[in-house]
Amino acid sequence: MATGEGIDMEPCAIDSVLFDLDGTLVDSVELILNSYQHVHREHLQDVAVAGDHYRSKLGVPLLQIYQELVEDEVRAAQLVEAYKKHNRTLHDGMVRCYPGVKQMLHQLDESGVALAIVTSKGREVALRGLRICEIDRFFATIVALENVEHHKPDPQPVERAVELLGTTAERTLFVGDAPTDIAAGRAAGVLTGAALWGPFPRDSMQQHPPDFWFESPLEIPAIVARSAIGIRD
């Protein structure tokens, strides 16, 4: 059941919903971790990281992750390419939609809600995942890695999506699985919802909690519908 943290702003109907991609709509977590582990075994044997290092970096741009590890821009870029090459070979067989996502998107689309993707992935691979999951038709608007200078938790990607949809922050809900998603949404002034079916536990977001905790994708349309009559709790 979706729960809210209490909202100080005046009730306002939600007319747009933004979604993170990986860990929120598309279950690609094992693919991502597999790709990180492959690159580390092949190219970073001399670099020690904690066992959960790459899981904790889910949602962070690849180049940033590798620059933190090697502090060499050229080598970091090479590691990104090695990651992408391995990821591409496994991608289509390892990504799938989370249960309830297609039905949820259909309900939102039928009700006239504008939808957009906000991801730290490149546009091409993001579209590939959407097509495999057969949900690409819902997303004419995608803010990807190459569309902004700054990335989550910076608010710029969320602000850009709001601008592209022609709406306002007060009328927008951003749903994501990672603390960086919630931080970006809060900084952009939109409503935020945590996708608890993703890889990040609830306690990872307790320091800066979202406006809503969603245990299932199918809870999202109900919250949007309730906002239309001024109910947010």
Protein backbone atom coordinates (compact mmCIF):
# COMPACT_ATOMS: atom_id res chain seq x y z
CA MET A 1 0.00 0.00 0.00
CA ALA A 2 1.32 3.44 -0.94
CA THR A 3 2.03 5.69 2.01
CA GLY A 4 2.80 9.41 2.16
CA GLU A 5 5.14 11.36 4.38
CA GLY A 6 2.84 14.37 4.53
CA ILE A 7 2.94 17.20 2.02
CA ASP A 8 3.22 20.85 2.96
CA MET A 9 2.23 22.31 -0.41
CA GLU A 10 -1.35 23.01 -1.39
CA PRO A 11 -3.01 19.99 -3.03
CA CYS A 12 -2.56 20.13 -6.79
CA ALA A 13 -3.60 17.58 -9.40
CA ILE A 14 -0.70 15.51 -10.74
CA ASP A 15 -0.71 15.74 -14.54
CA SER A 16 2.74 14.29 -15.25
CA VAL A 17 4.74 11.33 -13.96
CA LEU A 18 8.47 10.91 -14.50
CA PHE A 19 10.17 7.55 -14.10
CA ASP A 20 13.69 6.41 -13.56
CA LEU A 21 14.41 3.42 -15.83
CA ASP A 22 16.64 0.73 -14.33
CA GLY A 23 15.36 -0.65 -11.05
CA THR A 24 12.06 1.20 -11.48
CA LEU A 25 10.45 0.14 -14.77
CA VAL A 26 13.03 -2.26 -16.14
CA ASP A 27 14.65 -5.00 -14.09
CA SER A 28 18.21 -4.86 -15.37
CA VAL A 29 20.02 -4.93 -12.05
CA GLU A 30 21.65 -8.34 -12.54
CA LEU A 31 22.79 -7.32 -16.02
CA ILE A 32 24.34 -4.13 -14.68
CA LEU A 33 26.13 -5.89 -11.81
CA ASN A 34 27.31 -8.65 -14.14
CA SER A 35 28.81 -6.01 -16.45
CA TYR A 36 30.57 -4.21 -13.60
CA GLN A 37 31.98 -7.47 -12.24
CA HIS A 38 33.22 -8.55 -15.67
CA VAL A 39 35.08 -5.27 -16.21
CA HIS A 40 36.55 -5.41 -12.73
CA ARG A 41 37.84 -8.98 -13.19
CA GLU A 42 39.32 -8.20 -16.60
CA HIS A 43 40.69 -4.69 -16.10
CA LEU A 44 40.74 -3.65 -12.43
CA GLN A 45 42.39 -6.53 -10.60
CA ASP A 46 44.65 -4.01 -8.86
CA VAL A 47 41.75 -1.97 -7.47
CA ALA A 48 40.07 -3.14 -4.27
CA VAL A 49 36.40 -2.31 -3.70
CA ALA A 50 33.83 -3.37 -1.11
CA GLY A 51 31.56 -6.26 -2.01
CA ASP A 52 28.54 -3.98 -2.41
CA HIS A 53 30.42 -1.15 -4.12
CA TYR A 54 28.81 -1.45 -7.54
CA ARG A 55 25.32 -2.11 -6.15
CA SER A 56 25.61 1.12 -4.16
CA LYS A 57 26.46 2.96 -7.40
CA LEU A 58 23.35 1.90 -9.31
CA GLY A 59 22.00 4.95 -11.13
CA VAL A 60 25.33 6.79 -11.19
CA PRO A 61 26.81 7.53 -14.67
CA LEU A 62 29.43 4.99 -15.75
CA LEU A 63 32.18 7.52 -16.42
CA GLN A 64 31.79 9.00 -12.95
CA ILE A 65 32.07 5.55 -11.33
CA TYR A 66 35.23 4.64 -13.19
CA GLN A 67 36.84 8.04 -12.74
CA GLU A 68 36.45 7.59 -9.00
CA LEU A 69 38.26 4.25 -9.21
CA VAL A 70 41.16 5.05 -11.53
CA GLU A 71 41.48 8.88 -11.47
CA ASP A 72 42.58 8.77 -15.11
CA GLU A 73 40.12 10.09 -17.68
CA VAL A 74 41.52 8.10 -20.59
CA ARG A 75 41.55 4.81 -18.70
CA ALA A 76 38.10 5.55 -17.23
CA ALA A 77 36.72 6.08 -20.75
CA GLN A 78 38.25 2.77 -21.84
CA LEU A 79 36.57 1.02 -18.92
CA VAL A 80 33.23 2.54 -19.92
CA GLU A 81 33.64 1.11 -23.42
CA ALA A 82 34.56 -2.30 -22.02
CA TYR A 83 31.44 -2.19 -19.85
CA LYS A 84 29.21 -1.23 -22.78
CA LYS A 85 30.63 -3.96 -25.00
CA HIS A 86 29.99 -6.68 -22.43
CA ASN A 87 26.60 -5.23 -21.52
CA ARG A 88 25.44 -5.23 -25.14
CA THR A 89 26.22 -8.92 -25.58
CA LEU A 90 23.97 -9.90 -22.67
CA HIS A 91 21.40 -7.09 -22.68
CA ASP A 92 18.45 -8.52 -24.57
CA GLY A 93 18.39 -11.77 -22.64
CA MET A 94 18.71 -10.25 -19.17
CA VAL A 95 16.25 -7.32 -19.06
CA ARG A 96 12.56 -7.55 -18.30
CA CYS A 97 9.70 -5.42 -17.00
CA TYR A 98 8.85 -5.51 -13.33
CA PRO A 99 5.44 -7.07 -12.66
CA GLY A 100 2.63 -4.54 -12.90
CA VAL A 101 4.60 -1.93 -14.88
CA LYS A 102 2.78 -2.38 -18.19
CA GLN A 103 -0.65 -2.23 -16.55
CA MET A 104 0.35 0.81 -14.52
CA LEU A 105 1.61 2.71 -17.57
CA HIS A 106 -1.51 1.80 -19.52
CA GLN A 107 -3.73 3.16 -16.74
CA LEU A 108 -1.79 6.42 -16.51
CA ASP A 109 -1.77 6.82 -20.29
CA GLU A 110 -5.51 6.16 -20.53
CA SER A 111 -6.17 8.82 -17.90
CA GLY A 112 -4.26 11.44 -19.90
CA VAL A 113 -1.21 11.72 -17.66
CA ALA A 114 1.98 12.82 -19.44
CA LEU A 115 4.88 10.39 -19.02
CA ALA A 116 8.66 10.73 -19.31
CA ILE A 117 11.85 8.84 -18.55
CA VAL A 118 14.70 10.41 -16.56
CA THR A 119 17.77 8.17 -16.71
CA SER A 120 21.55 8.33 -16.36
CA LYS A 121 21.81 5.85 -19.24
CA GLY A 122 22.52 6.80 -22.82
CA ARG A 123 19.45 7.25 -25.00
CA GLU A 124 20.18 4.36 -27.37
CA VAL A 125 20.46 1.68 -24.68
CA ALA A 126 17.55 3.18 -22.74
CA LEU A 127 15.33 2.88 -25.82
CA ARG A 128 16.54 -0.67 -26.35
CA GLY A 129 15.40 -1.68 -22.88
CA LEU A 130 12.04 0.04 -23.32
CA ARG A 131 11.46 -1.75 -26.63
CA ILE A 132 12.37 -5.17 -25.25
CA CYS A 133 9.90 -4.61 -22.42
CA GLU A 134 7.31 -3.35 -24.95
CA ILE A 135 6.72 -0.09 -23.11
CA ASP A 136 8.49 2.32 -25.48
CA ARG A 137 5.16 3.56 -26.89
CA PHE A 138 4.42 5.29 -23.59
CA PHE A 139 7.50 7.50 -23.69
CA ALA A 140 7.88 10.18 -26.33
CA THR A 141 9.95 12.15 -23.83
CA ILE A 142 13.25 10.77 -22.55
CA VAL A 143 15.90 12.73 -20.68
CA ALA A 144 19.05 10.61 -20.98
CA LEU A 145 22.74 10.93 -20.18
CA GLU A 146 23.58 13.03 -23.22
CA ASN A 147 20.69 15.47 -22.78
CA VAL A 148 21.99 17.22 -19.67
CA GLU A 149 25.28 18.44 -18.28
CA HIS A 150 24.60 17.43 -14.68
CA HIS A 151 23.13 14.13 -13.51
CA LYS A 152 21.10 12.84 -10.59
CA PRO A 153 21.20 13.71 -7.70
CA ASP A 154 21.47 17.10 -9.39
CA PRO A 155 17.95 18.37 -10.23
CA GLN A 156 18.78 19.28 -13.84
CA PRO A 157 17.48 16.07 -15.49
CA VAL A 158 14.19 16.29 -13.61
CA GLU A 159 13.82 19.98 -14.35
CA ARG A 160 14.49 19.29 -18.03
CA ALA A 161 11.78 16.63 -18.16
CA VAL A 162 9.27 18.97 -16.51
CA GLU A 163 10.14 21.63 -19.09
CA LEU A 164 9.78 19.21 -22.02
CA LEU A 165 6.38 18.06 -20.81
CA GLY A 166 5.20 21.65 -20.48
CA THR A 167 4.03 21.22 -16.92
CA THR A 168 5.12 22.51 -13.50
CA ALA A 169 7.02 20.94 -10.63
CA GLU A 170 3.93 21.15 -8.42
CA ARG A 171 1.99 18.95 -10.84
CA THR A 172 4.75 16.39 -11.35
CA LEU A 173 5.56 13.12 -9.60
CA PHE A 174 8.97 11.49 -10.04
CA VAL A 175 9.21 7.78 -9.22
CA GLY A 176 12.58 6.10 -8.76
CA ASP A 177 14.25 3.32 -6.84
CA ALA A 178 17.50 5.02 -5.75
CA PRO A 179 18.36 7.68 -3.17
CA THR A 180 19.79 9.76 -6.05
CA ASP A 181 16.36 9.76 -7.72
CA ILE A 182 14.65 11.04 -4.60
CA ALA A 183 17.35 13.65 -4.00
CA ALA A 184 17.07 14.93 -7.58
CA GLY A 185 13.29 15.12 -7.36
CA ARG A 186 13.29 16.91 -4.04
CA ALA A 187 15.85 19.43 -5.31
CA ALA A 188 13.70 20.05 -8.41
CA GLY A 189 10.62 20.68 -6.28
CA VAL A 190 8.52 17.82 -7.66
CA LEU A 191 6.67 15.18 -5.69
CA THR A 192 8.74 12.04 -5.21
CA GLY A 193 7.88 8.36 -4.93
CA ALA A 194 10.19 5.50 -3.95
CA ALA A 195 9.88 2.30 -5.98
CA LEU A 196 10.36 -0.26 -3.22
CA TRP A 197 10.31 -3.19 -5.66
CA GLY A 198 13.76 -2.06 -6.89
CA PRO A 199 17.19 -2.95 -5.45
CA PHE A 200 17.44 -0.22 -2.80
CA PRO A 201 15.96 -0.89 0.67
CA ARG A 202 13.61 1.55 2.32
CA ASP A 203 16.16 2.50 4.98
CA SER A 204 18.56 3.79 2.30
CA MET A 205 16.15 6.71 1.75
CA GLN A 206 15.16 7.44 5.34
CA GLN A 207 17.52 10.40 5.69
CA HIS A 208 15.77 12.23 2.85
CA PRO A 209 12.46 10.38 2.47
CA PRO A 210 10.16 10.63 -0.56
CA ASP A 211 6.63 11.95 -0.47
CA PHE A 212 5.31 8.45 -1.22
CA TRP A 213 6.51 4.89 -0.65
CA PHE A 214 5.25 2.59 -3.40
CA GLU A 215 5.34 -1.15 -2.78
CA SER A 216 3.87 -1.93 -6.20
CA PRO A 217 3.71 -0.07 -9.53
CA LEU A 218 -0.06 -0.50 -9.45
CA GLU A 219 -0.31 1.89 -6.49
CA ILE A 220 0.85 4.84 -8.58
CA PRO A 221 -2.33 5.45 -10.67
CA ALA A 222 -4.41 5.54 -7.50
CA ILE A 223 -2.25 8.30 -5.99
CA VAL A 224 -2.47 10.29 -9.22
CA ALA A 225 -6.25 9.88 -9.31
CA ARG A 226 -6.59 10.91 -5.67
CA SER A 227 -4.56 14.06 -6.32
CA ALA A 228 -7.22 15.18 -8.79
CA ILE A 229 -9.70 15.51 -5.92
CA GLY A 230 -7.22 17.04 -3.52
CA ILE A 231 -6.29 13.92 -1.54
CA ARG A 232 -2.59 13.22 -1.03
CA ASP A 233 -2.38 11.12 2.14
